[in-house]
Amino acid sequence: MSHEVTGGAQEPETPNLDFAGTTPYEDYVQADVLTHLQHPLSDDPGEMVFLVTTQVMELWFTVIVHEWQTAAEALRRDDLTVAMDALRRSCHELEALNAAWKPLAKLTPAQFNAYRSALGEGSGFQSAMYRRMEFLLGEKSSSMLVPHRGAPRVHTELEKALQEPSLWDEVLRLLARRGHAVPEAVLRRDPAQRYEPDPAVEAAWAEVYAGPQESDLLRLAEALTDVGELVWRWRNDHLVATRRAMGAKMGTGGSAGVAWLEKRARKNVFPELWTARSHV
């Protein structure tokens, strides 16, 4: 391939390799930090992939929280363009998050047991960033702050997220501003409480779905449905991977294991978007 360029100048045959300190790539990505955060606690070689996969999931949680917060803030100011962009990005990120189960999805009980004791009382339900994801979806629970009392910064961030309106709250407020009959009790509810489905909200979404098919509210509803479906797939992939690795045994950290995950997998995210379809 020719290195000739317009004007007679030549491209260098090799990139710049001489830097006074760390590389600009390292300065931006902090790869040296990321690749030295793995400290397996057992001698089993399979623990490394479990540890790295879990850390990768935490990074995806962080990005998705950022996207949903961006969407919620945009909806608050009626900026559907920014909100939709953030929701669409989050769908790609959820697909990548869900794919992270693949290295763990076929663990046999013996393979998992080889390093399970290294987890001690550690369990995924203790993830503060995943909890912030759930809070943004309207799955609020003050009891989920308790495990983080020993980490003041994390506890403060979670407490703030608990008290703030969820992404779904902001969606319903937008729906009301657009003239749909969302009850005052829903609009003025305590945002720190778990969201409960409302028949009037279901009727409002049925109205949107029966209306003009090019409306921006319908496009928003479908973007949120994509998010809800991918969250449901995440929960189910988690359930299947856990069931394969440990059956119905008690989960780490004293959780109910598969029984807890089965309960979570049955719940719909943005529930009225799903039930409204039966009335269109």
Protein backbone atom coordinates (compact mmCIF):
# COMPACT_ATOMS: atom_id res chain seq x y z
CA MET A 1 0.00 0.00 0.00
CA SER A 2 1.41 3.38 -0.99
CA HIS A 3 2.36 5.91 1.68
CA GLU A 4 2.08 8.77 -0.85
CA VAL A 5 -0.29 11.57 0.18
CA THR A 6 -1.38 14.80 -1.46
CA GLY A 7 1.35 17.38 -1.54
CA GLY A 8 4.18 14.87 -1.67
CA ALA A 9 4.40 14.31 2.11
CA GLN A 10 4.77 10.76 3.34
CA GLU A 11 2.97 9.12 6.23
CA PRO A 12 5.32 7.69 8.87
CA GLU A 13 5.81 3.96 8.51
CA THR A 14 5.44 3.41 12.26
CA PRO A 15 3.36 5.24 14.87
CA ASN A 16 5.00 7.42 17.49
CA LEU A 17 6.44 5.07 20.11
CA ASP A 18 8.51 7.46 22.21
CA PHE A 19 6.69 9.12 25.12
CA ALA A 20 8.22 10.89 28.08
CA GLY A 21 5.88 9.25 30.57
CA THR A 22 2.93 6.92 30.26
CA THR A 23 1.21 6.67 26.88
CA PRO A 24 -1.77 8.90 26.07
CA TYR A 25 -3.81 5.68 25.75
CA GLU A 26 -2.90 4.66 29.30
CA ASP A 27 -3.62 8.15 30.61
CA TYR A 28 -7.13 8.02 29.14
CA VAL A 29 -8.13 4.37 29.65
CA GLN A 30 -6.20 3.63 32.86
CA ALA A 31 -5.58 0.13 31.51
CA ASP A 32 -2.76 -0.52 33.98
CA VAL A 33 -5.22 0.06 36.84
CA LEU A 34 -7.95 -2.08 35.26
CA THR A 35 -5.68 -5.03 34.49
CA HIS A 36 -4.25 -5.15 38.00
CA LEU A 37 -7.56 -5.24 39.88
CA GLN A 38 -7.81 -9.03 39.72
CA HIS A 39 -6.83 -10.83 42.92
CA PRO A 40 -8.13 -14.43 42.86
CA LEU A 41 -8.55 -16.00 46.28
CA SER A 42 -8.30 -19.65 45.27
CA ASP A 43 -5.84 -21.77 43.30
CA ASP A 44 -8.45 -22.76 40.75
CA PRO A 45 -7.67 -21.34 37.27
CA GLY A 46 -11.40 -20.89 36.56
CA GLU A 47 -11.74 -18.21 39.22
CA MET A 48 -9.99 -15.64 37.02
CA VAL A 49 -12.70 -15.68 34.35
CA PHE A 50 -15.42 -15.46 37.02
CA LEU A 51 -13.71 -12.47 38.63
CA VAL A 52 -13.03 -10.61 35.37
CA THR A 53 -16.52 -11.28 34.03
CA THR A 54 -18.04 -9.90 37.22
CA GLN A 55 -15.86 -6.79 36.98
CA VAL A 56 -16.85 -6.31 33.32
CA MET A 57 -20.50 -6.51 34.36
CA GLU A 58 -19.92 -3.79 36.95
CA LEU A 59 -18.49 -1.52 34.23
CA TRP A 60 -21.54 -2.12 32.03
CA PHE A 61 -23.82 -1.37 34.99
CA THR A 62 -22.00 1.96 35.36
CA VAL A 63 -22.51 2.90 31.69
CA ILE A 64 -26.18 1.88 31.71
CA VAL A 65 -26.88 3.91 34.85
CA HIS A 66 -25.29 6.88 33.10
CA GLU A 67 -27.53 6.39 30.05
CA TRP A 68 -30.75 6.04 32.04
CA GLN A 69 -29.92 9.07 34.16
CA THR A 70 -29.25 11.02 30.97
CA ALA A 71 -32.60 9.87 29.58
CA ALA A 72 -34.47 10.77 32.79
CA GLU A 73 -32.94 14.25 32.89
CA ALA A 74 -33.76 14.81 29.21
CA LEU A 75 -37.38 13.71 29.69
CA ARG A 76 -37.68 16.16 32.59
CA ARG A 77 -36.98 18.99 30.13
CA ASP A 78 -39.06 17.45 27.30
CA ASP A 79 -35.99 16.65 25.18
CA LEU A 80 -37.04 13.39 23.58
CA THR A 81 -34.15 13.42 21.09
CA VAL A 82 -31.50 13.18 23.82
CA ALA A 83 -33.62 10.72 25.82
CA MET A 84 -34.16 8.42 22.85
CA ASP A 85 -30.46 8.47 21.92
CA ALA A 86 -29.53 7.47 25.48
CA LEU A 87 -32.14 4.69 25.57
CA ARG A 88 -30.99 3.29 22.23
CA ARG A 89 -27.36 3.31 23.37
CA SER A 90 -28.38 1.54 26.56
CA CYS A 91 -29.95 -1.25 24.49
CA HIS A 92 -26.62 -1.93 22.78
CA GLU A 93 -24.94 -1.85 26.19
CA LEU A 94 -27.51 -4.23 27.66
CA GLU A 95 -26.84 -6.65 24.80
CA ALA A 96 -23.12 -6.52 25.65
CA LEU A 97 -23.90 -6.95 29.35
CA ASN A 98 -26.07 -9.97 28.64
CA ALA A 99 -23.36 -11.50 26.44
CA ALA A 100 -21.02 -11.36 29.44
CA TRP A 101 -22.87 -14.38 30.83
CA LYS A 102 -21.45 -16.61 28.10
CA PRO A 103 -18.14 -17.43 29.86
CA LEU A 104 -20.10 -18.51 32.96
CA ALA A 105 -23.25 -19.95 31.44
CA LYS A 106 -22.02 -23.56 31.15
CA LEU A 107 -20.31 -23.99 34.52
CA THR A 108 -20.88 -27.40 36.06
CA PRO A 109 -21.49 -27.58 39.84
CA ALA A 110 -17.99 -29.02 40.39
CA GLN A 111 -16.35 -26.23 38.38
CA PHE A 112 -18.23 -23.54 40.33
CA ASN A 113 -17.58 -25.25 43.66
CA ALA A 114 -13.84 -25.20 42.94
CA TYR A 115 -13.72 -21.51 43.81
CA ARG A 116 -17.14 -20.75 45.28
CA SER A 117 -15.75 -20.61 48.82
CA ALA A 118 -13.56 -17.66 47.72
CA LEU A 119 -16.73 -15.55 47.46
CA GLY A 120 -17.37 -15.94 51.19
CA GLU A 121 -20.50 -13.90 51.92
CA GLY A 122 -20.15 -11.99 48.66
CA SER A 123 -23.17 -12.02 46.34
CA GLY A 124 -24.30 -10.14 43.26
CA PHE A 125 -27.30 -8.65 45.06
CA GLN A 126 -24.77 -6.58 47.04
CA SER A 127 -23.74 -4.69 43.87
CA ALA A 128 -24.42 -1.00 44.52
CA MET A 129 -24.31 -0.09 40.83
CA TYR A 130 -26.77 -2.82 39.90
CA ARG A 131 -29.00 -1.54 42.71
CA ARG A 132 -28.90 1.91 41.11
CA MET A 133 -30.01 0.32 37.84
CA GLU A 134 -32.96 -1.29 39.62
CA PHE A 135 -33.86 1.99 41.34
CA LEU A 136 -33.93 3.77 37.97
CA LEU A 137 -36.39 1.13 36.74
CA GLY A 138 -38.71 1.87 39.68
CA GLU A 139 -37.66 -1.15 41.78
CA LYS A 140 -37.07 0.86 44.95
CA SER A 141 -36.31 -0.71 48.34
CA SER A 142 -34.78 1.09 51.32
CA SER A 143 -33.68 -2.26 52.78
CA MET A 144 -31.21 -2.60 49.91
CA LEU A 145 -29.20 0.28 51.38
CA VAL A 146 -28.44 -1.71 54.53
CA PRO A 147 -25.52 -3.77 53.11
CA HIS A 148 -23.72 -0.51 52.21
CA ARG A 149 -23.80 1.22 55.60
CA GLY A 150 -20.08 0.56 55.99
CA ALA A 151 -19.23 2.45 52.77
CA PRO A 152 -20.35 6.08 53.32
CA ARG A 153 -19.86 7.32 49.74
CA VAL A 154 -21.68 4.37 48.19
CA HIS A 155 -24.46 4.58 50.80
CA THR A 156 -24.95 8.31 50.13
CA GLU A 157 -25.14 7.77 46.37
CA LEU A 158 -27.67 4.96 46.80
CA GLU A 159 -29.77 6.98 49.24
CA LYS A 160 -29.88 9.85 46.73
CA ALA A 161 -30.91 7.43 43.96
CA LEU A 162 -33.62 6.00 46.22
CA GLN A 163 -35.17 9.44 46.81
CA GLU A 164 -35.02 10.60 43.19
CA PRO A 165 -37.77 9.93 40.63
CA SER A 166 -37.06 6.85 38.56
CA LEU A 167 -36.76 6.82 34.78
CA TRP A 168 -40.33 5.44 34.69
CA ASP A 169 -41.56 8.29 36.92
CA GLU A 170 -40.16 10.80 34.43
CA VAL A 171 -41.76 8.94 31.53
CA LEU A 172 -45.19 9.08 33.21
CA ARG A 173 -44.80 12.78 34.00
CA LEU A 174 -44.08 13.40 30.33
CA LEU A 175 -47.13 11.32 29.40
CA ALA A 176 -49.27 13.52 31.66
CA ARG A 177 -47.80 16.74 30.20
CA ARG A 178 -48.81 15.44 26.78
CA GLY A 179 -52.43 15.33 27.89
CA HIS A 180 -52.88 11.70 28.87
CA ALA A 181 -54.86 10.82 32.00
CA VAL A 182 -52.15 9.79 34.46
CA PRO A 183 -53.63 9.91 38.00
CA GLU A 184 -52.38 12.55 40.41
CA ALA A 185 -51.67 9.79 42.92
CA VAL A 186 -49.17 8.32 40.46
CA LEU A 187 -47.58 11.66 39.62
CA ARG A 188 -47.26 12.69 43.28
CA ARG A 189 -46.32 9.30 44.72
CA ASP A 190 -43.31 8.93 47.02
CA PRO A 191 -40.45 8.16 44.60
CA ALA A 192 -38.63 6.21 47.31
CA GLN A 193 -41.34 3.52 47.17
CA ARG A 194 -41.47 0.65 44.70
CA TYR A 195 -43.61 1.50 41.69
CA GLU A 196 -46.88 -0.41 41.50
CA PRO A 197 -48.82 -0.77 38.22
CA ASP A 198 -51.91 1.40 37.79
CA PRO A 199 -54.93 0.61 35.53
CA ALA A 200 -55.21 4.24 34.43
CA VAL A 201 -51.59 4.26 33.31
CA GLU A 202 -52.25 1.06 31.38
CA ALA A 203 -55.22 2.77 29.68
CA ALA A 204 -53.08 5.79 28.79
CA TRP A 205 -50.50 3.58 27.08
CA ALA A 206 -53.25 1.67 25.27
CA GLU A 207 -54.39 5.03 23.95
CA VAL A 208 -50.87 5.83 22.73
CA TYR A 209 -50.56 2.46 21.01
CA ALA A 210 -53.95 2.81 19.33
CA GLY A 211 -53.10 6.30 18.09
CA PRO A 212 -50.83 7.57 15.29
CA GLN A 213 -48.09 5.01 14.68
CA GLU A 214 -45.51 7.70 13.93
CA SER A 215 -45.98 9.55 17.24
CA ASP A 216 -42.91 10.29 19.33
CA LEU A 217 -44.64 8.86 22.42
CA LEU A 218 -45.10 5.53 20.67
CA ARG A 219 -41.45 5.54 19.61
CA LEU A 220 -40.49 6.27 23.23
CA ALA A 221 -42.73 3.42 24.41
CA GLU A 222 -41.08 1.00 22.00
CA ALA A 223 -37.58 2.09 23.04
CA LEU A 224 -38.53 1.50 26.67
CA THR A 225 -40.01 -1.87 25.74
CA ASP A 226 -36.67 -2.80 24.15
CA VAL A 227 -34.96 -1.87 27.43
CA GLY A 228 -37.49 -3.87 29.42
CA GLU A 229 -37.06 -6.94 27.25
CA LEU A 230 -33.27 -6.84 27.56
CA VAL A 231 -33.47 -6.45 31.34
CA TRP A 232 -35.82 -9.45 31.43
CA ARG A 233 -33.30 -11.42 29.35
CA TRP A 234 -30.52 -10.41 31.77
CA ARG A 235 -32.52 -11.72 34.72
CA ASN A 236 -33.33 -14.96 32.93
CA ASP A 237 -29.74 -15.52 31.79
CA HIS A 238 -28.64 -14.97 35.39
CA LEU A 239 -31.26 -17.46 36.57
CA VAL A 240 -30.22 -20.14 34.06
CA ALA A 241 -26.49 -19.72 34.73
CA THR A 242 -27.08 -19.98 38.48
CA ARG A 243 -29.37 -22.98 38.15
CA ARG A 244 -26.75 -24.82 36.05
CA ALA A 245 -23.93 -24.01 38.45
CA MET A 246 -25.59 -24.66 41.82
CA GLY A 247 -29.13 -25.96 41.40
CA ALA A 248 -31.48 -24.95 44.19
CA LYS A 249 -28.83 -24.52 46.90
CA MET A 250 -28.72 -21.46 49.11
CA GLY A 251 -27.03 -18.57 47.31
CA THR A 252 -23.86 -16.84 48.45
CA GLY A 253 -24.32 -14.12 51.04
CA GLY A 254 -27.34 -15.90 52.49
CA SER A 255 -29.57 -15.14 49.49
CA ALA A 256 -32.25 -17.58 48.39
CA GLY A 257 -30.28 -18.33 45.22
CA VAL A 258 -32.42 -19.64 42.37
CA ALA A 259 -35.69 -18.96 44.26
CA TRP A 260 -34.78 -15.25 44.53
CA LEU A 261 -33.80 -15.07 40.85
CA GLU A 262 -37.00 -16.83 39.75
CA LYS A 263 -39.04 -14.22 41.59
CA ARG A 264 -37.09 -11.41 39.92
CA ALA A 265 -37.39 -12.99 36.47
CA ARG A 266 -41.20 -13.00 36.70
CA LYS A 267 -41.39 -9.20 37.08
CA ASN A 268 -41.88 -6.98 34.04
CA VAL A 269 -39.95 -3.73 33.74
CA PHE A 270 -42.29 -0.81 32.86
CA PRO A 271 -45.28 -3.13 33.48
CA GLU A 272 -48.09 -1.14 31.82
CA LEU A 273 -46.22 -1.08 28.51
CA TRP A 274 -46.70 -4.84 28.41
CA THR A 275 -50.25 -5.14 29.72
CA ALA A 276 -51.57 -2.25 27.58
CA ARG A 277 -50.99 -4.37 24.46
CA SER A 278 -53.92 -6.57 25.43
CA HIS A 279 -56.29 -3.60 25.05
CA VAL A 280 -55.22 -2.28 21.65
